[in-house]
Amino acid sequence: MLPHTPSPLLSLPGAVAAEGPDEGVAAHYGDPFREQRALAGGSGFVDLSHRGVITVTGPDRLSWLHLLLTQHVSELPPGRATEALILSPHGHIEHALYLVDDGETTWAHVEPGTQEALIAYLESMKFFYKVDVTDRTGDFAVTYLPAGSIAEVPEGVVVRETAYGRDLFLPRAQLAEFAAAHGPAAGVLAHEALRVEGHRPRLGLETDHRTIPHELGLIGVAVHLQKGCYRGQETVARVHNLGKPPRRLVFLHLDGSEVSLPAHGAPVRLAADGPEGRQLGFVTTSARHHELGPIALALVKRNVPVDAPLLVGEATAASQETVVEP
């Protein structure tokens, strides 16, 4: 399956196609707030079949991945979910992997369209290790069940279980049957709103070409500080031990009187400085939440006062909650 090949679930009643990085699946099925409430209550599912899926097999898979990833995975028990990054030599985030091992195969889902570059890098690092890396995007559809869901997982399906839900590596041929049995479906707008509420960063939205893990609160989440060398480790250790990251992730409550949400990249300034003031950051993701109203994540300079009222774009007032300490 090529990136952004439309999901068969776009034929469900009310489906409206998503745009941007989530092209190929439904943004919503007619009522994004109802879909959010269903997910928050532990019912329904989200079609994430546009995400890339890779597998790593072979007896050396975990010890080999341990050398390349920011996460400690050499002794990863079967069934335990984890997440990991691949960094540039300078410590900037290049890839984010959401992993689980089933005892024979390591499964990972990644941002749509990034699997090809990731596999090319992994292939270049195989050397003498007994591993095989395979793009399984055409065969498996990532499907999300929210925390609290009592939906039964089809037999044999690999599950990645986290505190906020279960990611299923569902055979793509079973997607329509699964949807019929486990609906109602919720779109990615609902999924994204709950992600923003949970302060969970996403590659390509909360990151740019110079993002380091510390800025997003990923130390201890996707980066293990007590493991062997990996590319970019020197930057991780230096910033952790000797300094502070130049930017930090914040959660924003946006003025609900504005009709439209700020776009990705919308400038963030101090409210006191007005729309002509110096830009201190930018919006990474915005969403409409079923309880909180309009919300967003943003990257701002580390020294922006945590209690300072902010201005997003030209006219949207915003207050911040700390995600990463200054």
C-alpha atoms as a PDB file:
ATOM      1  CA  MET A   1       0.000   0.000   0.000  1.00  0.00           C
ATOM      2  CA  LEU A   2       1.433   3.330  -1.045  1.00  0.00           C
ATOM      3  CA  PRO A   3       1.264   6.296   1.342  1.00  0.00           C
ATOM      4  CA  HIS A   4      -2.156   7.912   1.389  1.00  0.00           C
ATOM      5  CA  THR A   5      -3.958   5.120  -0.508  1.00  0.00           C
ATOM      6  CA  PRO A   6      -7.536   5.709   0.648  1.00  0.00           C
ATOM      7  CA  SER A   7      -8.848   3.457   3.389  1.00  0.00           C
ATOM      8  CA  PRO A   8     -11.898   1.346   2.565  1.00  0.00           C
ATOM      9  CA  LEU A   9     -13.517   2.852   5.666  1.00  0.00           C
ATOM     10  CA  LEU A  10     -13.863   6.153   3.807  1.00  0.00           C
ATOM     11  CA  SER A  11     -16.955   4.529   2.323  1.00  0.00           C
ATOM     12  CA  LEU A  12     -18.663   4.424   5.745  1.00  0.00           C
ATOM     13  CA  PRO A  13     -21.686   6.744   6.170  1.00  0.00           C
ATOM     14  CA  GLY A  14     -20.709  10.331   6.950  1.00  0.00           C
ATOM     15  CA  ALA A  15     -16.985   9.844   6.346  1.00  0.00           C
ATOM     16  CA  VAL A  16     -15.067  13.024   5.513  1.00  0.00           C
ATOM     17  CA  ALA A  17     -11.506  12.495   4.294  1.00  0.00           C
ATOM     18  CA  ALA A  18      -8.618  13.897   6.307  1.00  0.00           C
ATOM     19  CA  GLU A  19      -5.945  16.124   4.813  1.00  0.00           C
ATOM     20  CA  GLY A  20      -2.245  16.702   5.375  1.00  0.00           C
ATOM     21  CA  PRO A  21      -0.268  13.979   7.100  1.00  0.00           C
ATOM     22  CA  ASP A  22      -3.456  12.004   7.772  1.00  0.00           C
ATOM     23  CA  GLU A  23      -4.585  11.885   4.167  1.00  0.00           C
ATOM     24  CA  GLY A  24      -6.073   8.517   3.292  1.00  0.00           C
ATOM     25  CA  VAL A  25      -8.289   7.992   6.350  1.00  0.00           C
ATOM     26  CA  ALA A  26     -11.351   9.759   7.740  1.00  0.00           C
ATOM     27  CA  ALA A  27     -11.089  13.068   9.582  1.00  0.00           C
ATOM     28  CA  HIS A  28     -14.525  12.340  11.042  1.00  0.00           C
ATOM     29  CA  TYR A  29     -17.761  10.495  10.351  1.00  0.00           C
ATOM     30  CA  GLY A  30     -20.137  13.407  10.767  1.00  0.00           C
ATOM     31  CA  ASP A  31     -19.816  14.368  14.442  1.00  0.00           C
ATOM     32  CA  PRO A  32     -16.254  14.882  15.759  1.00  0.00           C
ATOM     33  CA  PHE A  33     -17.390  15.761  19.304  1.00  0.00           C
ATOM     34  CA  ARG A  34     -19.555  12.654  19.597  1.00  0.00           C
ATOM     35  CA  GLU A  35     -16.622  10.622  18.314  1.00  0.00           C
ATOM     36  CA  GLN A  36     -14.323  12.185  20.915  1.00  0.00           C
ATOM     37  CA  ARG A  37     -16.744  11.469  23.712  1.00  0.00           C
ATOM     38  CA  ALA A  38     -17.035   7.864  22.582  1.00  0.00           C
ATOM     39  CA  LEU A  39     -13.259   7.406  22.606  1.00  0.00           C
ATOM     40  CA  ALA A  40     -12.926   9.149  25.973  1.00  0.00           C
ATOM     41  CA  GLY A  41     -15.543   6.750  27.315  1.00  0.00           C
ATOM     42  CA  GLY A  42     -13.706   3.694  26.009  1.00  0.00           C
ATOM     43  CA  SER A  43     -15.838   2.822  22.990  1.00  0.00           C
ATOM     44  CA  GLY A  44     -15.328   2.866  19.247  1.00  0.00           C
ATOM     45  CA  PHE A  45     -12.059   2.699  17.332  1.00  0.00           C
ATOM     46  CA  VAL A  46      -9.900   4.837  15.033  1.00  0.00           C
ATOM     47  CA  ASP A  47      -8.712   3.830  11.577  1.00  0.00           C
ATOM     48  CA  LEU A  48      -4.979   4.631  11.435  1.00  0.00           C
ATOM     49  CA  SER A  49      -4.344   2.461   8.397  1.00  0.00           C
ATOM     50  CA  HIS A  50      -2.388   5.242   6.703  1.00  0.00           C
ATOM     51  CA  ARG A  51       0.481   4.793   9.174  1.00  0.00           C
ATOM     52  CA  GLY A  52       3.570   2.895   8.128  1.00  0.00           C
ATOM     53  CA  VAL A  53       4.216  -0.579   9.534  1.00  0.00           C
ATOM     54  CA  ILE A  54       7.603  -2.270   9.648  1.00  0.00           C
ATOM     55  CA  THR A  55       8.768  -5.546  11.151  1.00  0.00           C
ATOM     56  CA  VAL A  56      12.200  -6.749  12.204  1.00  0.00           C
ATOM     57  CA  THR A  57      12.830 -10.474  12.452  1.00  0.00           C
ATOM     58  CA  GLY A  58      15.867 -12.622  13.155  1.00  0.00           C
ATOM     59  CA  PRO A  59      17.687 -13.766  16.293  1.00  0.00           C
ATOM     60  CA  ASP A  60      19.665 -10.518  16.622  1.00  0.00           C
ATOM     61  CA  ARG A  61      16.711  -8.149  16.192  1.00  0.00           C
ATOM     62  CA  LEU A  62      16.511  -6.733  19.736  1.00  0.00           C
ATOM     63  CA  SER A  63      20.252  -6.481  20.378  1.00  0.00           C
ATOM     64  CA  TRP A  64      20.662  -4.824  16.961  1.00  0.00           C
ATOM     65  CA  LEU A  65      17.814  -2.354  17.461  1.00  0.00           C
ATOM     66  CA  HIS A  66      19.245  -1.558  20.890  1.00  0.00           C
ATOM     67  CA  LEU A  67      22.360  -0.193  19.171  1.00  0.00           C
ATOM     68  CA  LEU A  68      20.374   2.121  16.889  1.00  0.00           C
ATOM     69  CA  LEU A  69      17.472   3.378  18.987  1.00  0.00           C
ATOM     70  CA  THR A  70      17.268   5.792  21.901  1.00  0.00           C
ATOM     71  CA  GLN A  71      15.334   3.203  23.894  1.00  0.00           C
ATOM     72  CA  HIS A  72      16.593   0.207  25.915  1.00  0.00           C
ATOM     73  CA  VAL A  73      15.183  -2.739  23.955  1.00  0.00           C
ATOM     74  CA  SER A  74      17.816  -5.475  24.206  1.00  0.00           C
ATOM     75  CA  GLU A  75      15.718  -7.297  26.805  1.00  0.00           C
ATOM     76  CA  LEU A  76      12.276  -6.078  25.757  1.00  0.00           C
ATOM     77  CA  PRO A  77       9.750  -8.671  27.015  1.00  0.00           C
ATOM     78  CA  PRO A  78       7.142  -9.981  24.569  1.00  0.00           C
ATOM     79  CA  GLY A  79       4.015  -7.857  24.623  1.00  0.00           C
ATOM     80  CA  ARG A  80       5.499  -4.806  26.335  1.00  0.00           C
ATOM     81  CA  ALA A  81       4.873  -1.582  24.428  1.00  0.00           C
ATOM     82  CA  THR A  82       7.580   1.013  24.136  1.00  0.00           C
ATOM     83  CA  GLU A  83       8.532   3.926  21.916  1.00  0.00           C
ATOM     84  CA  ALA A  84      11.876   5.005  20.562  1.00  0.00           C
ATOM     85  CA  LEU A  85      13.590   7.567  18.367  1.00  0.00           C
ATOM     86  CA  ILE A  86      16.328   7.598  15.786  1.00  0.00           C
ATOM     87  CA  LEU A  87      18.412  10.746  16.024  1.00  0.00           C
ATOM     88  CA  SER A  88      20.755  12.520  13.669  1.00  0.00           C
ATOM     89  CA  PRO A  89      24.459  12.660  14.576  1.00  0.00           C
ATOM     90  CA  HIS A  90      23.700  16.048  16.182  1.00  0.00           C
ATOM     91  CA  GLY A  91      20.848  14.679  18.292  1.00  0.00           C
ATOM     92  CA  HIS A  92      17.913  15.950  16.234  1.00  0.00           C
ATOM     93  CA  ILE A  93      14.849  13.719  15.949  1.00  0.00           C
ATOM     94  CA  GLU A  94      14.631  11.935  12.585  1.00  0.00           C
ATOM     95  CA  HIS A  95      12.244   9.029  13.228  1.00  0.00           C
ATOM     96  CA  ALA A  96       9.778   7.954  15.914  1.00  0.00           C
ATOM     97  CA  LEU A  97       8.875   4.286  16.315  1.00  0.00           C
ATOM     98  CA  TYR A  98       6.030   2.800  18.371  1.00  0.00           C
ATOM     99  CA  LEU A  99       7.175  -0.716  19.165  1.00  0.00           C
ATOM    100  CA  VAL A 100       6.134  -4.088  20.505  1.00  0.00           C
ATOM    101  CA  ASP A 101       7.812  -7.494  20.221  1.00  0.00           C
ATOM    102  CA  ASP A 102       5.753 -10.684  20.039  1.00  0.00           C
ATOM    103  CA  GLY A 103       8.621 -13.030  20.931  1.00  0.00           C
ATOM    104  CA  GLU A 104       9.591 -13.665  17.325  1.00  0.00           C
ATOM    105  CA  THR A 105       9.093 -10.359  15.537  1.00  0.00           C
ATOM    106  CA  THR A 106       9.472  -6.704  16.496  1.00  0.00           C
ATOM    107  CA  TRP A 107       6.578  -4.646  15.155  1.00  0.00           C
ATOM    108  CA  ALA A 108       6.592  -0.860  14.795  1.00  0.00           C
ATOM    109  CA  HIS A 109       4.242   1.721  13.395  1.00  0.00           C
ATOM    110  CA  VAL A 110       5.559   5.066  12.198  1.00  0.00           C
ATOM    111  CA  GLU A 111       4.325   8.297  10.672  1.00  0.00           C
ATOM    112  CA  PRO A 112       2.670   7.976   7.253  1.00  0.00           C
ATOM    113  CA  GLY A 113       5.174   7.845   4.434  1.00  0.00           C
ATOM    114  CA  THR A 114       8.272   7.742   6.662  1.00  0.00           C
ATOM    115  CA  GLN A 115       8.757   3.982   6.563  1.00  0.00           C
ATOM    116  CA  GLU A 116      10.717   3.985   3.324  1.00  0.00           C
ATOM    117  CA  ALA A 117      13.439   6.318   4.625  1.00  0.00           C
ATOM    118  CA  LEU A 118      13.484   4.498   7.964  1.00  0.00           C
ATOM    119  CA  ILE A 119      13.941   1.118   6.294  1.00  0.00           C
ATOM    120  CA  ALA A 120      16.716   2.509   4.086  1.00  0.00           C
ATOM    121  CA  TYR A 121      18.577   3.674   7.186  1.00  0.00           C
ATOM    122  CA  LEU A 122      18.035   0.384   9.017  1.00  0.00           C
ATOM    123  CA  GLU A 123      19.204  -1.611   5.992  1.00  0.00           C
ATOM    124  CA  SER A 124      22.378   0.463   5.853  1.00  0.00           C
ATOM    125  CA  MET A 125      23.150  -0.520   9.450  1.00  0.00           C
ATOM    126  CA  LYS A 126      22.619  -4.295   9.213  1.00  0.00           C
ATOM    127  CA  PHE A 127      26.297  -5.258   8.774  1.00  0.00           C
ATOM    128  CA  PHE A 128      26.767  -8.826  10.012  1.00  0.00           C
ATOM    129  CA  TYR A 129      23.668  -8.957  12.232  1.00  0.00           C
ATOM    130  CA  LYS A 130      21.083 -11.661  11.591  1.00  0.00           C
ATOM    131  CA  VAL A 131      18.069  -9.444  11.003  1.00  0.00           C
ATOM    132  CA  ASP A 132      15.500  -8.814   8.297  1.00  0.00           C
ATOM    133  CA  VAL A 133      13.616  -5.528   7.986  1.00  0.00           C
ATOM    134  CA  THR A 134      10.332  -5.559   6.071  1.00  0.00           C
ATOM    135  CA  ASP A 135       7.782  -2.940   5.063  1.00  0.00           C
ATOM    136  CA  ARG A 136       4.423  -4.452   6.083  1.00  0.00           C
ATOM    137  CA  THR A 137       2.307  -1.371   5.410  1.00  0.00           C
ATOM    138  CA  GLY A 138       0.589  -3.075   2.509  1.00  0.00           C
ATOM    139  CA  ASP A 139      -0.429  -6.036   4.657  1.00  0.00           C
ATOM    140  CA  PHE A 140      -1.325  -4.517   8.042  1.00  0.00           C
ATOM    141  CA  ALA A 141      -3.543  -1.623   9.102  1.00  0.00           C
ATOM    142  CA  VAL A 142      -2.911   0.115  12.409  1.00  0.00           C
ATOM    143  CA  THR A 143      -6.173   0.371  14.318  1.00  0.00           C
ATOM    144  CA  TYR A 144      -6.622   2.125  17.667  1.00  0.00           C
ATOM    145  CA  LEU A 145      -8.860   1.019  20.530  1.00  0.00           C
ATOM    146  CA  PRO A 146      -9.180   3.585  23.352  1.00  0.00           C
ATOM    147  CA  ALA A 147      -8.292   2.953  26.981  1.00  0.00           C
ATOM    148  CA  GLY A 148     -11.158   1.175  28.694  1.00  0.00           C
ATOM    149  CA  SER A 149     -12.372  -0.518  25.536  1.00  0.00           C
ATOM    150  CA  ILE A 150     -13.720  -4.027  26.074  1.00  0.00           C
ATOM    151  CA  ALA A 151     -13.639  -4.837  22.360  1.00  0.00           C
ATOM    152  CA  GLU A 152     -12.310  -8.306  21.603  1.00  0.00           C
ATOM    153  CA  VAL A 153      -9.184  -8.402  19.494  1.00  0.00           C
ATOM    154  CA  PRO A 154      -9.305 -10.919  16.632  1.00  0.00           C
ATOM    155  CA  GLU A 155      -7.235 -14.011  17.300  1.00  0.00           C
ATOM    156  CA  GLY A 156      -3.603 -13.769  16.262  1.00  0.00           C
ATOM    157  CA  VAL A 157      -3.537  -9.971  15.959  1.00  0.00           C
ATOM    158  CA  VAL A 158      -0.461  -8.299  17.461  1.00  0.00           C
ATOM    159  CA  VAL A 159      -1.417  -5.689  20.084  1.00  0.00           C
ATOM    160  CA  ARG A 160       0.595  -2.791  21.449  1.00  0.00           C
ATOM    161  CA  GLU A 161      -1.053  -1.825  24.743  1.00  0.00           C
ATOM    162  CA  THR A 162      -0.385   1.538  26.403  1.00  0.00           C
ATOM    163  CA  ALA A 163      -1.958   3.596  29.170  1.00  0.00           C
ATOM    164  CA  TYR A 164      -4.029   5.502  26.615  1.00  0.00           C
ATOM    165  CA  GLY A 165      -5.196   2.621  24.434  1.00  0.00           C
ATOM    166  CA  ARG A 166      -4.317  -0.331  22.261  1.00  0.00           C
ATOM    167  CA  ASP A 167      -2.711  -0.225  18.822  1.00  0.00           C
ATOM    168  CA  LEU A 168      -3.649  -3.242  16.730  1.00  0.00           C
ATOM    169  CA  PHE A 169      -1.559  -4.467  13.802  1.00  0.00           C
ATOM    170  CA  LEU A 170      -4.647  -5.726  12.008  1.00  0.00           C
ATOM    171  CA  PRO A 171      -4.398  -7.658   8.737  1.00  0.00           C
ATOM    172  CA  ARG A 172      -5.531  -5.121   6.180  1.00  0.00           C
ATOM    173  CA  ALA A 173      -7.984  -7.574   4.643  1.00  0.00           C
ATOM    174  CA  GLN A 174      -9.840  -7.688   7.984  1.00  0.00           C
ATOM    175  CA  LEU A 175     -10.295  -3.915   8.340  1.00  0.00           C
ATOM    176  CA  ALA A 176     -13.835  -3.665   6.981  1.00  0.00           C
ATOM    177  CA  GLU A 177     -14.986  -6.692   9.003  1.00  0.00           C
ATOM    178  CA  PHE A 178     -13.390  -5.268  12.141  1.00  0.00           C
ATOM    179  CA  ALA A 179     -15.138  -1.927  11.592  1.00  0.00           C
ATOM    180  CA  ALA A 180     -18.523  -3.606  11.254  1.00  0.00           C
ATOM    181  CA  ALA A 181     -18.017  -5.465  14.539  1.00  0.00           C
ATOM    182  CA  HIS A 182     -16.378  -2.727  16.626  1.00  0.00           C
ATOM    183  CA  GLY A 183     -17.986   0.538  15.557  1.00  0.00           C
ATOM    184  CA  PRO A 184     -18.874   3.274  15.708  1.00  0.00           C
ATOM    185  CA  ALA A 185     -15.749   4.516  13.977  1.00  0.00           C
ATOM    186  CA  ALA A 186     -14.108   7.733  15.147  1.00  0.00           C
ATOM    187  CA  GLY A 187     -12.001   9.919  12.890  1.00  0.00           C
ATOM    188  CA  VAL A 188      -8.472  11.201  13.313  1.00  0.00           C
ATOM    189  CA  LEU A 189      -9.747  14.622  14.438  1.00  0.00           C
ATOM    190  CA  ALA A 190     -11.059  12.974  17.606  1.00  0.00           C
ATOM    191  CA  HIS A 191      -7.857  10.977  18.005  1.00  0.00           C
ATOM    192  CA  GLU A 192      -5.735  14.120  17.570  1.00  0.00           C
ATOM    193  CA  ALA A 193      -7.797  16.136  20.060  1.00  0.00           C
ATOM    194  CA  LEU A 194      -7.208  13.489  22.723  1.00  0.00           C
ATOM    195  CA  ARG A 195      -3.514  13.332  21.790  1.00  0.00           C
ATOM    196  CA  VAL A 196      -3.184  17.092  22.264  1.00  0.00           C
ATOM    197  CA  GLU A 197      -5.043  16.859  25.577  1.00  0.00           C
ATOM    198  CA  GLY A 198      -2.574  14.151  26.629  1.00  0.00           C
ATOM    199  CA  HIS A 199       0.439  16.323  25.655  1.00  0.00           C
ATOM    200  CA  ARG A 200       1.763  13.566  23.369  1.00  0.00           C
ATOM    201  CA  PRO A 201       4.064  14.933  20.650  1.00  0.00           C
ATOM    202  CA  ARG A 202       3.993  13.666  17.092  1.00  0.00           C
ATOM    203  CA  LEU A 203       6.834  13.536  14.590  1.00  0.00           C
ATOM    204  CA  GLY A 204       6.474  16.150  11.849  1.00  0.00           C
ATOM    205  CA  LEU A 205       4.019  18.247  13.845  1.00  0.00           C
ATOM    206  CA  GLU A 206       5.731  18.862  17.173  1.00  0.00           C
ATOM    207  CA  THR A 207       9.144  18.439  15.521  1.00  0.00           C
ATOM    208  CA  ASP A 208      11.150  20.352  12.973  1.00  0.00           C
ATOM    209  CA  HIS A 209      14.663  19.847  11.602  1.00  0.00           C
ATOM    210  CA  ARG A 210      16.315  20.929  14.870  1.00  0.00           C
ATOM    211  CA  THR A 211      14.095  19.386  17.545  1.00  0.00           C
ATOM    212  CA  ILE A 212      15.895  17.470  20.285  1.00  0.00           C
ATOM    213  CA  PRO A 213      14.087  15.016  22.595  1.00  0.00           C
ATOM    214  CA  HIS A 214      14.388  17.198  25.712  1.00  0.00           C
ATOM    215  CA  GLU A 215      12.203  19.907  24.155  1.00  0.00           C
ATOM    216  CA  LEU A 216       9.248  17.518  23.909  1.00  0.00           C
ATOM    217  CA  GLY A 217       9.526  15.769  27.263  1.00  0.00           C
ATOM    218  CA  LEU A 218      10.690  12.520  25.660  1.00  0.00           C
ATOM    219  CA  ILE A 219      13.531  11.825  28.078  1.00  0.00           C
ATOM    220  CA  GLY A 220      12.456   8.749  30.013  1.00  0.00           C
ATOM    221  CA  VAL A 221       9.591   8.162  27.582  1.00  0.00           C
ATOM    222  CA  ALA A 222      11.317   7.423  24.273  1.00  0.00           C
ATOM    223  CA  VAL A 223      14.908   8.053  25.419  1.00  0.00           C
ATOM    224  CA  HIS A 224      16.618   5.818  27.980  1.00  0.00           C
ATOM    225  CA  LEU A 225      19.509   7.541  29.740  1.00  0.00           C
ATOM    226  CA  GLN A 226      21.236   4.407  31.046  1.00  0.00           C
ATOM    227  CA  LYS A 227      22.017   2.469  27.896  1.00  0.00           C
ATOM    228  CA  GLY A 228      24.894   2.082  25.464  1.00  0.00           C
ATOM    229  CA  CYS A 229      25.896   4.341  22.632  1.00  0.00           C
ATOM    230  CA  TYR A 230      23.631   5.329  19.771  1.00  0.00           C
ATOM    231  CA  ARG A 231      23.764   8.046  17.162  1.00  0.00           C
ATOM    232  CA  GLY A 232      23.112  11.447  18.730  1.00  0.00           C
ATOM    233  CA  GLN A 233      23.705  10.247  22.305  1.00  0.00           C
ATOM    234  CA  GLU A 234      26.373  12.871  22.958  1.00  0.00           C
ATOM    235  CA  THR A 235      23.862  15.686  22.491  1.00  0.00           C
ATOM    236  CA  VAL A 236      21.289  13.936  24.665  1.00  0.00           C
ATOM    237  CA  ALA A 237      23.786  13.448  27.495  1.00  0.00           C
ATOM    238  CA  ARG A 238      25.261  16.946  27.237  1.00  0.00           C
ATOM    239  CA  VAL A 239      21.914  18.738  27.380  1.00  0.00           C
ATOM    240  CA  HIS A 240      20.636  16.471  30.155  1.00  0.00           C
ATOM    241  CA  ASN A 241      23.736  16.881  32.324  1.00  0.00           C
ATOM    242  CA  LEU A 242      24.975  20.363  31.559  1.00  0.00           C
ATOM    243  CA  GLY A 243      22.214  22.541  30.229  1.00  0.00           C
ATOM    244  CA  LYS A 244      18.623  23.109  29.170  1.00  0.00           C
ATOM    245  CA  PRO A 245      17.000  22.717  25.763  1.00  0.00           C
ATOM    246  CA  PRO A 246      16.494  25.945  23.806  1.00  0.00           C
ATOM    247  CA  ARG A 247      12.752  25.378  23.468  1.00  0.00           C
ATOM    248  CA  ARG A 248       9.991  23.644  25.394  1.00  0.00           C
ATOM    249  CA  LEU A 249       6.622  22.126  24.582  1.00  0.00           C
ATOM    250  CA  VAL A 250       3.592  23.879  26.089  1.00  0.00           C
ATOM    251  CA  PHE A 251      -0.138  23.171  26.147  1.00  0.00           C
ATOM    252  CA  LEU A 252      -2.357  26.097  25.216  1.00  0.00           C
ATOM    253  CA  HIS A 253      -5.940  26.947  26.082  1.00  0.00           C
ATOM    254  CA  LEU A 254      -7.124  29.108  23.200  1.00  0.00           C
ATOM    255  CA  ASP A 255      -9.718  31.877  23.195  1.00  0.00           C
ATOM    256  CA  GLY A 256     -12.953  30.153  22.215  1.00  0.00           C
ATOM    257  CA  SER A 257     -14.432  33.190  20.500  1.00  0.00           C
ATOM    258  CA  GLU A 258     -12.270  32.716  17.402  1.00  0.00           C
ATOM    259  CA  VAL A 259     -14.019  30.910  14.545  1.00  0.00           C
ATOM    260  CA  SER A 260     -10.984  29.133  13.110  1.00  0.00           C
ATOM    261  CA  LEU A 261      -8.172  27.241  14.777  1.00  0.00           C
ATOM    262  CA  PRO A 262      -4.593  28.443  14.328  1.00  0.00           C
ATOM    263  CA  ALA A 263      -2.704  26.498  11.686  1.00  0.00           C
ATOM    264  CA  HIS A 264       0.469  24.541  12.237  1.00  0.00           C
ATOM    265  CA  GLY A 265       3.277  27.092  12.339  1.00  0.00           C
ATOM    266  CA  ALA A 266       1.143  30.008  13.547  1.00  0.00           C
ATOM    267  CA  PRO A 267       3.397  32.378  15.503  1.00  0.00           C
ATOM    268  CA  VAL A 268       3.236  32.629  19.281  1.00  0.00           C
ATOM    269  CA  ARG A 269       4.073  35.938  20.991  1.00  0.00           C
ATOM    270  CA  LEU A 270       3.649  37.540  24.384  1.00  0.00           C
ATOM    271  CA  ALA A 271       0.164  39.055  24.550  1.00  0.00           C
ATOM    272  CA  ALA A 272       1.635  42.206  26.055  1.00  0.00           C
ATOM    273  CA  ASP A 273       3.720  42.748  22.899  1.00  0.00           C
ATOM    274  CA  GLY A 274       0.774  42.489  20.499  1.00  0.00           C
ATOM    275  CA  PRO A 275       0.765  41.051  16.972  1.00  0.00           C
ATOM    276  CA  GLU A 276       3.872  43.045  16.023  1.00  0.00           C
ATOM    277  CA  GLY A 277       5.893  41.631  18.906  1.00  0.00           C
ATOM    278  CA  ARG A 278       8.819  39.258  18.606  1.00  0.00           C
ATOM    279  CA  GLN A 279       7.886  35.693  17.730  1.00  0.00           C
ATOM    280  CA  LEU A 280       8.731  33.342  20.594  1.00  0.00           C
ATOM    281  CA  GLY A 281       7.460  30.085  19.193  1.00  0.00           C
ATOM    282  CA  PHE A 282       4.875  28.440  16.971  1.00  0.00           C
ATOM    283  CA  VAL A 283       1.785  26.277  17.159  1.00  0.00           C
ATOM    284  CA  THR A 284       2.453  22.634  16.365  1.00  0.00           C
ATOM    285  CA  THR A 285      -1.060  21.120  16.590  1.00  0.00           C
ATOM    286  CA  SER A 286      -4.439  22.666  17.360  1.00  0.00           C
ATOM    287  CA  ALA A 287      -7.740  20.925  18.005  1.00  0.00           C
ATOM    288  CA  ARG A 288     -11.278  21.391  19.255  1.00  0.00           C
ATOM    289  CA  HIS A 289     -11.820  19.353  22.391  1.00  0.00           C
ATOM    290  CA  HIS A 290     -15.267  18.168  23.443  1.00  0.00           C
ATOM    291  CA  GLU A 291     -14.790  19.527  27.008  1.00  0.00           C
ATOM    292  CA  LEU A 292     -11.840  21.947  26.930  1.00  0.00           C
ATOM    293  CA  GLY A 293     -12.790  23.818  23.766  1.00  0.00           C
ATOM    294  CA  PRO A 294     -10.017  24.977  21.418  1.00  0.00           C
ATOM    295  CA  ILE A 295      -6.595  23.741  22.544  1.00  0.00           C
ATOM    296  CA  ALA A 296      -3.126  23.445  21.067  1.00  0.00           C
ATOM    297  CA  LEU A 297       0.427  22.322  21.559  1.00  0.00           C
ATOM    298  CA  ALA A 298       3.221  24.758  20.799  1.00  0.00           C
ATOM    299  CA  LEU A 299       6.997  24.992  20.919  1.00  0.00           C
ATOM    300  CA  VAL A 300       8.211  28.179  22.596  1.00  0.00           C
ATOM    301  CA  LYS A 301      11.550  29.523  23.725  1.00  0.00           C
ATOM    302  CA  ARG A 302      12.573  28.081  27.068  1.00  0.00           C
ATOM    303  CA  ASN A 303      12.695  31.443  28.845  1.00  0.00           C
ATOM    304  CA  VAL A 304       9.088  32.439  28.044  1.00  0.00           C
ATOM    305  CA  PRO A 305       7.522  32.983  31.516  1.00  0.00           C
ATOM    306  CA  VAL A 306       5.225  30.068  32.349  1.00  0.00           C
ATOM    307  CA  ASP A 307       2.452  32.379  33.554  1.00  0.00           C
ATOM    308  CA  ALA A 308       2.664  34.889  30.688  1.00  0.00           C
ATOM    309  CA  PRO A 309      -0.526  35.373  28.612  1.00  0.00           C
ATOM    310  CA  LEU A 310       0.251  34.592  24.983  1.00  0.00           C
ATOM    311  CA  LEU A 311      -1.012  35.683  21.588  1.00  0.00           C
ATOM    312  CA  VAL A 312      -1.347  33.135  18.793  1.00  0.00           C
ATOM    313  CA  GLY A 313      -1.393  34.408  15.235  1.00  0.00           C
ATOM    314  CA  GLU A 314      -2.865  37.889  14.916  1.00  0.00           C
ATOM    315  CA  ALA A 315      -5.625  37.829  17.489  1.00  0.00           C
ATOM    316  CA  THR A 316      -6.090  34.578  19.420  1.00  0.00           C
ATOM    317  CA  ALA A 317      -5.456  34.910  23.149  1.00  0.00           C
ATOM    318  CA  ALA A 318      -3.943  31.886  24.857  1.00  0.00           C
ATOM    319  CA  SER A 319      -2.912  30.735  28.305  1.00  0.00           C
ATOM    320  CA  GLN A 320      -0.295  28.059  28.786  1.00  0.00           C
ATOM    321  CA  GLU A 321       0.180  24.950  30.860  1.00  0.00           C
ATOM    322  CA  THR A 322       3.690  23.628  31.398  1.00  0.00           C
ATOM    323  CA  VAL A 323       4.530  20.369  29.653  1.00  0.00           C
ATOM    324  CA  VAL A 324       8.327  20.657  29.744  1.00  0.00           C
ATOM    325  CA  GLU A 325       9.796  22.573  32.638  1.00  0.00           C
ATOM    326  CA  PRO A 326      11.809  25.674  31.664  1.00  0.00           C
END
